PDB file of N, CA and C in Angstrom:
ATOM      1  N   MET A   1     105.825  43.492  63.910  1.00  0.00           N
ATOM      2  CA  MET A   1     104.920  44.393  64.797  1.00  0.00           C
ATOM      3  C   MET A   1     103.529  42.967  65.325  1.00  0.00           C
ATOM      4  N   ASP A   2     103.959  43.097  66.592  1.00  0.00           N
ATOM      5  CA  ASP A   2     102.914  42.518  67.449  1.00  0.00           C
ATOM      6  C   ASP A   2     101.891  43.329  67.519  1.00  0.00           C
ATOM      7  N   LEU A   3     101.218  44.413  66.896  1.00  0.00           N
ATOM      8  CA  LEU A   3     100.778  45.013  67.946  1.00  0.00           C
ATOM      9  C   LEU A   3      99.038  45.264  67.359  1.00  0.00           C
ATOM     10  N   HIS A   4      98.711  45.322  68.881  1.00  0.00           N
ATOM     11  CA  HIS A   4      97.230  44.911  68.921  1.00  0.00           C
ATOM     12  C   HIS A   4      96.529  45.867  67.952  1.00  0.00           C
ATOM     13  N   ILE A   5      95.673  46.192  66.967  1.00  0.00           N
ATOM     14  CA  ILE A   5      95.152  46.906  66.834  1.00  0.00           C
ATOM     15  C   ILE A   5      93.957  46.275  66.155  1.00  0.00           C
ATOM     16  N   LYS A   6      92.911  46.973  66.094  1.00  0.00           N
ATOM     17  CA  LYS A   6      91.565  46.581  65.456  1.00  0.00           C
ATOM     18  C   LYS A   6      90.635  47.548  64.629  1.00  0.00           C
ATOM     19  N   ALA A   7      90.456  46.977  63.618  1.00  0.00           N
ATOM     20  CA  ALA A   7      89.463  47.997  62.290  1.00  0.00           C
ATOM     21  C   ALA A   7      88.271  47.538  63.335  1.00  0.00           C
ATOM     22  N   ILE A   8      87.609  49.127  63.083  1.00  0.00           N
ATOM     23  CA  ILE A   8      86.142  49.236  63.557  1.00  0.00           C
ATOM     24  C   ILE A   8      85.439  50.695  62.575  1.00  0.00           C
ATOM     25  N   ASP A   9      84.487  50.000  62.149  1.00  0.00           N
ATOM     26  CA  ASP A   9      83.974  51.067  61.134  1.00  0.00           C
ATOM     27  C   ASP A   9      84.437  53.036  61.185  1.00  0.00           C
ATOM     28  N   GLY A  10      84.910  52.917  60.396  1.00  0.00           N
ATOM     29  CA  GLY A  10      85.478  54.849  59.801  1.00  0.00           C
ATOM     30  C   GLY A  10      86.562  54.603  60.651  1.00  0.00           C
ATOM     31  N   GLY A  11      87.397  53.334  61.106  1.00  0.00           N
ATOM     32  CA  GLY A  11      88.485  53.863  61.737  1.00  0.00           C
ATOM     33  C   GLY A  11      89.553  52.843  62.397  1.00  0.00           C
ATOM     34  N   VAL A  12      90.426  52.613  63.323  1.00  0.00           N
ATOM     35  CA  VAL A  12      90.918  51.604  64.092  1.00  0.00           C
ATOM     36  C   VAL A  12      91.089  52.096  65.571  1.00  0.00           C
ATOM     37  N   THR A  13      90.984  51.109  65.912  1.00  0.00           N
ATOM     38  CA  THR A  13      91.468  51.290  67.964  1.00  0.00           C
ATOM     39  C   THR A  13      92.903  51.157  67.851  1.00  0.00           C
ATOM     40  N   LEU A  14      93.370  51.354  69.000  1.00  0.00           N
ATOM     41  CA  LEU A  14      94.645  51.123  69.378  1.00  0.00           C
ATOM     42  C   LEU A  14      95.472  51.223  70.690  1.00  0.00           C
ATOM     43  N   ASP A  15      95.962  50.503  71.286  1.00  0.00           N
ATOM     44  CA  ASP A  15      96.252  50.372  72.356  1.00  0.00           C
ATOM     45  C   ASP A  15      97.933  50.993  72.545  1.00  0.00           C
ATOM     46  N   CYS A  16      97.775  51.841  73.612  1.00  0.00           N
ATOM     47  CA  CYS A  16      99.244  52.269  74.031  1.00  0.00           C
ATOM     48  C   CYS A  16      99.671  52.411  75.153  1.00  0.00           C
ATOM     49  N   HIS A  17     100.867  52.284  75.420  1.00  0.00           N
ATOM     50  CA  HIS A  17     101.737  52.222  76.752  1.00  0.00           C
ATOM     51  C   HIS A  17     102.525  53.318  76.827  1.00  0.00           C
ATOM     52  N   ILE A  18     102.103  54.658  77.494  1.00  0.00           N
ATOM     53  CA  ILE A  18     102.628  55.554  77.707  1.00  0.00           C
ATOM     54  C   ILE A  18     103.964  56.107  78.576  1.00  0.00           C
ATOM     55  N   THR A  19     104.728  56.429  78.419  1.00  0.00           N
ATOM     56  CA  THR A  19     106.165  56.641  79.214  1.00  0.00           C
ATOM     57  C   THR A  19     106.560  58.427  79.481  1.00  0.00           C
ATOM     58  N   PRO A  20     106.019  59.261  80.782  1.00  0.00           N
ATOM     59  CA  PRO A  20     105.835  60.284  80.486  1.00  0.00           C
ATOM     60  C   PRO A  20     107.019  60.956  81.381  1.00  0.00           C
ATOM     61  N   ARG A  21     107.580  62.566  80.901  1.00  0.00           N
ATOM     62  CA  ARG A  21     108.595  62.692  81.140  1.00  0.00           C
ATOM     63  C   ARG A  21     109.681  62.707  80.830  1.00  0.00           C
ATOM     64  N   SER A  22     109.611  61.993  79.474  1.00  0.00           N
ATOM     65  CA  SER A  22     111.135  61.316  78.558  1.00  0.00           C
ATOM     66  C   SER A  22     111.724  62.587  78.514  1.00  0.00           C
ATOM     67  N   SER A  23     113.013  62.507  77.734  1.00  0.00           N
ATOM     68  CA  SER A  23     113.686  63.143  77.132  1.00  0.00           C
ATOM     69  C   SER A  23     113.915  63.552  75.969  1.00  0.00           C
ATOM     70  N   ARG A  24     112.787  62.448  75.323  1.00  0.00           N
ATOM     71  CA  ARG A  24     112.260  63.012  73.860  1.00  0.00           C
ATOM     72  C   ARG A  24     111.184  62.510  73.312  1.00  0.00           C
ATOM     73  N   ARG A  25     110.050  62.656  72.542  1.00  0.00           N
ATOM     74  CA  ARG A  25     108.784  62.086  72.279  1.00  0.00           C
ATOM     75  C   ARG A  25     109.483  60.799  70.935  1.00  0.00           C
ATOM     76  N   THR A  26     108.942  59.517  71.098  1.00  0.00           N
ATOM     77  CA  THR A  26     109.575  58.851  70.223  1.00  0.00           C
ATOM     78  C   THR A  26     108.506  57.681  70.750  1.00  0.00           C
ATOM     79  N   ILE A  27     108.343  56.918  69.179  1.00  0.00           N
ATOM     80  CA  ILE A  27     107.939  55.686  69.373  1.00  0.00           C
ATOM     81  C   ILE A  27     108.641  54.726  69.998  1.00  0.00           C
ATOM     82  N   ARG A  28     108.634  53.924  70.636  1.00  0.00           N
ATOM     83  CA  ARG A  28     109.734  52.790  71.600  1.00  0.00           C
ATOM     84  C   ARG A  28     109.641  51.698  70.918  1.00  0.00           C
ATOM     85  N   GLY A  29     108.531  50.925  70.448  1.00  0.00           N
ATOM     86  CA  GLY A  29     108.375  49.628  69.839  1.00  0.00           C
ATOM     87  C   GLY A  29     107.159  49.209  70.187  1.00  0.00           C
ATOM     88  N   VAL A  30     106.637  48.182  70.652  1.00  0.00           N
ATOM     89  CA  VAL A  30     105.538  47.287  71.058  1.00  0.00           C
ATOM     90  C   VAL A  30     105.656  46.535  72.383  1.00  0.00           C
ATOM     91  N   ARG A  31     104.811  46.891  73.536  1.00  0.00           N
ATOM     92  CA  ARG A  31     105.001  46.296  74.642  1.00  0.00           C
ATOM     93  C   ARG A  31     103.474  45.579  74.909  1.00  0.00           C
ATOM     94  N   ASN A  32     103.669  44.217  75.400  1.00  0.00           N
ATOM     95  CA  ASN A  32     102.477  43.331  75.250  1.00  0.00           C
ATOM     96  C   ASN A  32     101.377  43.704  74.539  1.00  0.00           C
ATOM     97  N   GLY A  33     101.732  43.840  73.528  1.00  0.00           N
ATOM     98  CA  GLY A  33     100.759  44.438  72.146  1.00  0.00           C
ATOM     99  C   GLY A  33     100.327  45.598  72.081  1.00  0.00           C
ATOM    100  N   ALA A  34     100.774  46.375  72.953  1.00  0.00           N
ATOM    101  CA  ALA A  34     100.547  47.839  72.969  1.00  0.00           C
ATOM    102  C   ALA A  34     101.364  48.877  72.452  1.00  0.00           C
ATOM    103  N   LEU A  35     101.093  49.991  71.680  1.00  0.00           N
ATOM    104  CA  LEU A  35     102.335  50.770  71.200  1.00  0.00           C
ATOM    105  C   LEU A  35     102.962  51.583  72.272  1.00  0.00           C
ATOM    106  N   ALA A  36     104.482  51.611  72.782  1.00  0.00           N
ATOM    107  CA  ALA A  36     104.891  52.213  73.860  1.00  0.00           C
ATOM    108  C   ALA A  36     105.578  53.734  72.933  1.00  0.00           C
ATOM    109  N   VAL A  37     104.728  54.391  73.375  1.00  0.00           N
ATOM    110  CA  VAL A  37     105.205  55.380  73.514  1.00  0.00           C
ATOM    111  C   VAL A  37     105.674  56.552  74.283  1.00  0.00           C
ATOM    112  N   SER A  38     106.834  57.497  74.311  1.00  0.00           N
ATOM    113  CA  SER A  38     107.497  58.080  75.216  1.00  0.00           C
ATOM    114  C   SER A  38     107.234  59.588  74.679  1.00  0.00           C
ATOM    115  N   LEU A  39     107.002  59.919  76.051  1.00  0.00           N
ATOM    116  CA  LEU A  39     106.322  61.465  75.684  1.00  0.00           C
ATOM    117  C   LEU A  39     106.901  62.367  76.732  1.00  0.00           C
ATOM    118  N   GLN A  40     107.295  63.731  76.074  1.00  0.00           N
ATOM    119  CA  GLN A  40     108.386  64.792  77.234  1.00  0.00           C
ATOM    120  C   GLN A  40     106.982  65.647  78.330  1.00  0.00           C
ATOM    121  N   SER A  41     106.066  65.559  77.998  1.00  0.00           N
ATOM    122  CA  SER A  41     105.079  66.224  78.823  1.00  0.00           C
ATOM    123  C   SER A  41     104.792  65.463  80.033  1.00  0.00           C
ATOM    124  N   PRO A  42     104.942  65.926  81.233  1.00  0.00           N
ATOM    125  CA  PRO A  42     104.208  65.140  82.463  1.00  0.00           C
ATOM    126  C   PRO A  42     102.675  64.442  82.864  1.00  0.00           C
ATOM    127  N   PRO A  43     102.514  64.052  83.397  1.00  0.00           N
ATOM    128  CA  PRO A  43     101.179  63.518  83.812  1.00  0.00           C
ATOM    129  C   PRO A  43     100.303  64.485  84.034  1.00  0.00           C
ATOM    130  N   VAL A  44     100.059  65.532  84.420  1.00  0.00           N
ATOM    131  CA  VAL A  44      99.483  66.321  84.710  1.00  0.00           C
ATOM    132  C   VAL A  44      98.837  67.379  84.181  1.00  0.00           C
ATOM    133  N   ASP A  45      97.430  67.366  84.687  1.00  0.00           N
ATOM    134  CA  ASP A  45      96.461  68.174  84.062  1.00  0.00           C
ATOM    135  C   ASP A  45      95.968  67.973  82.612  1.00  0.00           C
ATOM    136  N   GLY A  46      96.565  66.605  82.190  1.00  0.00           N
ATOM    137  CA  GLY A  46      96.474  66.145  80.580  1.00  0.00           C
ATOM    138  C   GLY A  46      96.912  66.677  79.485  1.00  0.00           C
ATOM    139  N   GLN A  47      98.434  67.093  80.162  1.00  0.00           N
ATOM    140  CA  GLN A  47      99.286  67.316  79.536  1.00  0.00           C
ATOM    141  C   GLN A  47      99.801  66.177  78.444  1.00  0.00           C
ATOM    142  N   ALA A  48     100.031  65.029  79.105  1.00  0.00           N
ATOM    143  CA  ALA A  48     100.493  63.881  78.242  1.00  0.00           C
ATOM    144  C   ALA A  48      99.485  63.083  77.286  1.00  0.00           C
ATOM    145  N   ASN A  49      98.001  63.749  77.977  1.00  0.00           N
ATOM    146  CA  ASN A  49      96.924  63.099  76.789  1.00  0.00           C
ATOM    147  C   ASN A  49      96.947  64.051  75.779  1.00  0.00           C
ATOM    148  N   ALA A  50      97.535  65.323  75.979  1.00  0.00           N
ATOM    149  CA  ALA A  50      97.181  65.984  74.695  1.00  0.00           C
ATOM    150  C   ALA A  50      98.215  65.855  73.733  1.00  0.00           C
ATOM    151  N   GLU A  51      99.537  65.684  74.570  1.00  0.00           N
ATOM    152  CA  GLU A  51     100.450  65.622  73.654  1.00  0.00           C
ATOM    153  C   GLU A  51     100.577  64.140  72.814  1.00  0.00           C
ATOM    154  N   LEU A  52     100.038  63.320  73.419  1.00  0.00           N
ATOM    155  CA  LEU A  52      99.812  61.666  72.712  1.00  0.00           C
ATOM    156  C   LEU A  52      99.025  61.930  71.635  1.00  0.00           C
ATOM    157  N   ILE A  53      97.835  62.762  72.056  1.00  0.00           N
ATOM    158  CA  ILE A  53      97.032  62.907  70.300  1.00  0.00           C
ATOM    159  C   ILE A  53      97.810  63.599  69.379  1.00  0.00           C
ATOM    160  N   LYS A  54      98.424  64.518  69.862  1.00  0.00           N
ATOM    161  CA  LYS A  54      99.390  65.480  68.809  1.00  0.00           C
ATOM    162  C   LYS A  54     100.231  64.865  68.206  1.00  0.00           C
ATOM    163  N   PHE A  55     101.193  63.851  69.024  1.00  0.00           N
ATOM    164  CA  PHE A  55     102.040  63.120  68.335  1.00  0.00           C
ATOM    165  C   PHE A  55     101.470  62.062  67.299  1.00  0.00           C
ATOM    166  N   ILE A  56     100.182  61.282  67.617  1.00  0.00           N
ATOM    167  CA  ILE A  56      99.609  60.223  66.650  1.00  0.00           C
ATOM    168  C   ILE A  56      99.326  60.924  65.579  1.00  0.00           C
ATOM    169  N   SER A  57      98.588  62.340  65.836  1.00  0.00           N
ATOM    170  CA  SER A  57      97.905  62.756  64.210  1.00  0.00           C
ATOM    171  C   SER A  57      98.890  63.385  63.670  1.00  0.00           C
ATOM    172  N   LYS A  58     100.367  63.824  64.222  1.00  0.00           N
ATOM    173  CA  LYS A  58     101.110  64.404  63.146  1.00  0.00           C
ATOM    174  C   LYS A  58     101.817  63.040  62.353  1.00  0.00           C
ATOM    175  N   LEU A  59     102.039  61.663  63.365  1.00  0.00           N
ATOM    176  CA  LEU A  59     102.777  60.809  62.431  1.00  0.00           C
ATOM    177  C   LEU A  59     101.890  60.133  61.489  1.00  0.00           C
ATOM    178  N   LEU A  60     100.852  60.387  61.801  1.00  0.00           N
ATOM    179  CA  LEU A  60      99.901  59.988  60.554  1.00  0.00           C
ATOM    180  C   LEU A  60      99.128  60.714  59.684  1.00  0.00           C
ATOM    181  N   GLY A  61      99.765  62.071  59.827  1.00  0.00           N
ATOM    182  CA  GLY A  61      99.188  62.785  58.858  1.00  0.00           C
ATOM    183  C   GLY A  61      97.894  63.498  58.941  1.00  0.00           C
ATOM    184  N   ILE A  62      96.992  63.233  60.057  1.00  0.00           N
ATOM    185  CA  ILE A  62      95.918  63.471  60.308  1.00  0.00           C
ATOM    186  C   ILE A  62      95.466  64.565  61.014  1.00  0.00           C
ATOM    187  N   PRO A  63      94.290  65.352  61.203  1.00  0.00           N
ATOM    188  CA  PRO A  63      93.870  66.425  62.203  1.00  0.00           C
ATOM    189  C   PRO A  63      93.921  65.808  63.667  1.00  0.00           C
ATOM    190  N   LYS A  64      94.125  66.287  64.724  1.00  0.00           N
ATOM    191  CA  LYS A  64      93.596  65.802  65.894  1.00  0.00           C
ATOM    192  C   LYS A  64      93.012  65.828  66.157  1.00  0.00           C
ATOM    193  N   SER A  65      91.831  66.374  65.954  1.00  0.00           N
ATOM    194  CA  SER A  65      90.423  65.902  65.964  1.00  0.00           C
ATOM    195  C   SER A  65      89.711  64.164  66.092  1.00  0.00           C
ATOM    196  N   ASN A  66      90.968  63.458  64.810  1.00  0.00           N
ATOM    197  CA  ASN A  66      90.720  62.271  64.608  1.00  0.00           C
ATOM    198  C   ASN A  66      91.065  61.427  65.583  1.00  0.00           C
ATOM    199  N   VAL A  67      92.044  61.677  66.414  1.00  0.00           N
ATOM    200  CA  VAL A  67      92.292  60.700  67.658  1.00  0.00           C
ATOM    201  C   VAL A  67      91.682  61.026  68.753  1.00  0.00           C
ATOM    202  N   GLN A  68      91.125  59.899  69.712  1.00  0.00           N
ATOM    203  CA  GLN A  68      90.594  60.301  70.811  1.00  0.00           C
ATOM    204  C   GLN A  68      90.973  59.206  71.800  1.00  0.00           C
ATOM    205  N   ILE A  69      91.421  59.930  73.486  1.00  0.00           N
ATOM    206  CA  ILE A  69      91.468  58.575  73.949  1.00  0.00           C
ATOM    207  C   ILE A  69      90.094  57.798  74.641  1.00  0.00           C
ATOM    208  N   ILE A  70      89.726  56.859  74.300  1.00  0.00           N
ATOM    209  CA  ILE A  70      88.575  55.935  75.002  1.00  0.00           C
ATOM    210  C   ILE A  70      88.469  55.516  76.363  1.00  0.00           C
ATOM    211  N   LYS A  71      89.496  55.094  76.853  1.00  0.00           N
ATOM    212  CA  LYS A  71      89.712  54.491  78.000  1.00  0.00           C
ATOM    213  C   LYS A  71      91.250  54.664  78.554  1.00  0.00           C
ATOM    214  N   GLY A  72      91.350  55.079  79.748  1.00  0.00           N
ATOM    215  CA  GLY A  72      93.054  55.103  80.474  1.00  0.00           C
ATOM    216  C   GLY A  72      93.305  56.822  80.434  1.00  0.00           C
ATOM    217  N   GLN A  73      92.383  57.408  80.528  1.00  0.00           N
ATOM    218  CA  GLN A  73      92.584  58.861  80.705  1.00  0.00           C
ATOM    219  C   GLN A  73      93.518  59.200  81.693  1.00  0.00           C
ATOM    220  N   LEU A  74      93.490  58.497  82.679  1.00  0.00           N
ATOM    221  CA  LEU A  74      94.659  59.185  83.752  1.00  0.00           C
ATOM    222  C   LEU A  74      95.019  57.938  84.485  1.00  0.00           C
ATOM    223  N   SER A  75      95.493  56.888  83.188  1.00  0.00           N
ATOM    224  CA  SER A  75      96.676  55.665  83.297  1.00  0.00           C
ATOM    225  C   SER A  75      97.721  55.758  82.324  1.00  0.00           C
ATOM    226  N   ARG A  76      98.334  55.200  82.570  1.00  0.00           N
ATOM    227  CA  ARG A  76      99.516  54.826  81.354  1.00  0.00           C
ATOM    228  C   ARG A  76      98.966  53.688  80.323  1.00  0.00           C
ATOM    229  N   HIS A  77      98.250  53.240  80.398  1.00  0.00           N
ATOM    230  CA  HIS A  77      97.670  52.393  79.394  1.00  0.00           C
ATOM    231  C   HIS A  77      96.318  52.694  78.747  1.00  0.00           C
ATOM    232  N   LYS A  78      96.581  53.136  77.810  1.00  0.00           N
ATOM    233  CA  LYS A  78      95.276  53.915  76.989  1.00  0.00           C
ATOM    234  C   LYS A  78      94.944  53.009  76.064  1.00  0.00           C
ATOM    235  N   SER A  79      93.921  53.368  75.060  1.00  0.00           N
ATOM    236  CA  SER A  79      92.801  52.785  74.155  1.00  0.00           C
ATOM    237  C   SER A  79      92.661  54.636  73.201  1.00  0.00           C
ATOM    238  N   LEU A  80      92.745  54.285  71.982  1.00  0.00           N
ATOM    239  CA  LEU A  80      92.813  54.752  70.948  1.00  0.00           C
ATOM    240  C   LEU A  80      91.612  54.843  70.120  1.00  0.00           C
ATOM    241  N   ILE A  81      90.930  55.597  69.769  1.00  0.00           N
ATOM    242  CA  ILE A  81      90.328  55.489  68.575  1.00  0.00           C
ATOM    243  C   ILE A  81      90.669  56.276  67.598  1.00  0.00           C
ATOM    244  N   ILE A  82      91.046  55.749  66.498  1.00  0.00           N
ATOM    245  CA  ILE A  82      91.482  56.958  65.684  1.00  0.00           C
ATOM    246  C   ILE A  82      90.598  56.538  63.755  1.00  0.00           C
ATOM    247  N   HIS A  83      90.356  57.961  63.720  1.00  0.00           N
ATOM    248  CA  HIS A  83      89.300  57.606  62.546  1.00  0.00           C
ATOM    249  C   HIS A  83      89.950  58.283  61.666  1.00  0.00           C
ATOM    250  N   ASP A  84      89.248  57.724  60.202  1.00  0.00           N
ATOM    251  CA  ASP A  84      89.700  57.683  58.930  1.00  0.00           C
ATOM    252  C   ASP A  84      91.049  57.197  58.344  1.00  0.00           C
ATOM    253  N   VAL A  85      91.000  56.264  59.156  1.00  0.00           N
ATOM    254  CA  VAL A  85      92.086  55.500  58.322  1.00  0.00           C
ATOM    255  C   VAL A  85      92.135  53.763  58.515  1.00  0.00           C
ATOM    256  N   ASN A  86      93.311  53.189  57.748  1.00  0.00           N
ATOM    257  CA  ASN A  86      93.069  51.818  58.152  1.00  0.00           C
ATOM    258  C   ASN A  86      94.311  51.139  58.752  1.00  0.00           C
ATOM    259  N   ILE A  87      94.205  49.703  58.870  1.00  0.00           N
ATOM    260  CA  ILE A  87      95.229  49.464  59.861  1.00  0.00           C
ATOM    261  C   ILE A  87      96.360  49.460  59.138  1.00  0.00           C
ATOM    262  N   GLU A  88      96.478  48.778  57.573  1.00  0.00           N
ATOM    263  CA  GLU A  88      97.774  49.110  57.164  1.00  0.00           C
ATOM    264  C   GLU A  88      98.692  50.233  57.245  1.00  0.00           C
ATOM    265  N   ASP A  89      97.524  51.694  57.107  1.00  0.00           N
ATOM    266  CA  ASP A  89      98.144  52.591  56.834  1.00  0.00           C
ATOM    267  C   ASP A  89      99.103  52.792  58.425  1.00  0.00           C
ATOM    268  N   VAL A  90      97.935  52.825  59.043  1.00  0.00           N
ATOM    269  CA  VAL A  90      98.765  52.770  60.820  1.00  0.00           C
ATOM    270  C   VAL A  90      99.866  51.938  60.898  1.00  0.00           C
ATOM    271  N   ILE A  91     100.082  50.516  60.464  1.00  0.00           N
ATOM    272  CA  ILE A  91     101.324  50.031  60.497  1.00  0.00           C
ATOM    273  C   ILE A  91     102.663  50.526  59.984  1.00  0.00           C
ATOM    274  N   ARG A  92     102.256  50.718  58.702  1.00  0.00           N
ATOM    275  CA  ARG A  92     103.313  51.354  58.035  1.00  0.00           C
ATOM    276  C   ARG A  92     103.904  53.104  58.334  1.00  0.00           C
ATOM    277  N   LEU A  93     103.127  53.462  58.891  1.00  0.00           N
ATOM    278  CA  LEU A  93     103.214  55.047  59.379  1.00  0.00           C
ATOM    279  C   LEU A  93     104.202  54.780  60.818  1.00  0.00           C
ATOM    280  N   LEU A  94     103.450  54.120  61.478  1.00  0.00           N
ATOM    281  CA  LEU A  94     104.494  53.818  62.551  1.00  0.00           C
ATOM    282  C   LEU A  94     105.468  53.196  62.705  1.00  0.00           C
ATOM    283  N   SER A  95     105.927  52.342  62.126  1.00  0.00           N
ATOM    284  CA  SER A  95     107.065  51.569  61.689  1.00  0.00           C
ATOM    285  C   SER A  95     108.379  52.168  60.946  1.00  0.00           C
ATOM    286  N   ASP A  96     108.091  53.323  60.472  1.00  0.00           N
ATOM    287  CA  ASP A  96     108.720  54.030  59.866  1.00  0.00           C
ATOM    288  C   ASP A  96     109.763  54.696  60.348  1.00  0.00           C
TER     289      ASP A  96
END
């Protein structure tokens, strides 16, 4: 997996490329170093952002409050900070 993920103090940062309004919620692989994620919600009123946070937290088994969008609130290209996890755990859980 050629995923751009970086360890920071207390967690990791992760870039995502989002496709809203998909038929199902899924990880589609890696696109230009970013995790490619399909979401069912439309990109309206923060619905897709909320679904992304919920989806990533569920995949990693962590509280939603541990996942934050730090860049790209209004874009398909987003940067996340995920607290209380390490790179190895994220890669293992996302590749299952």
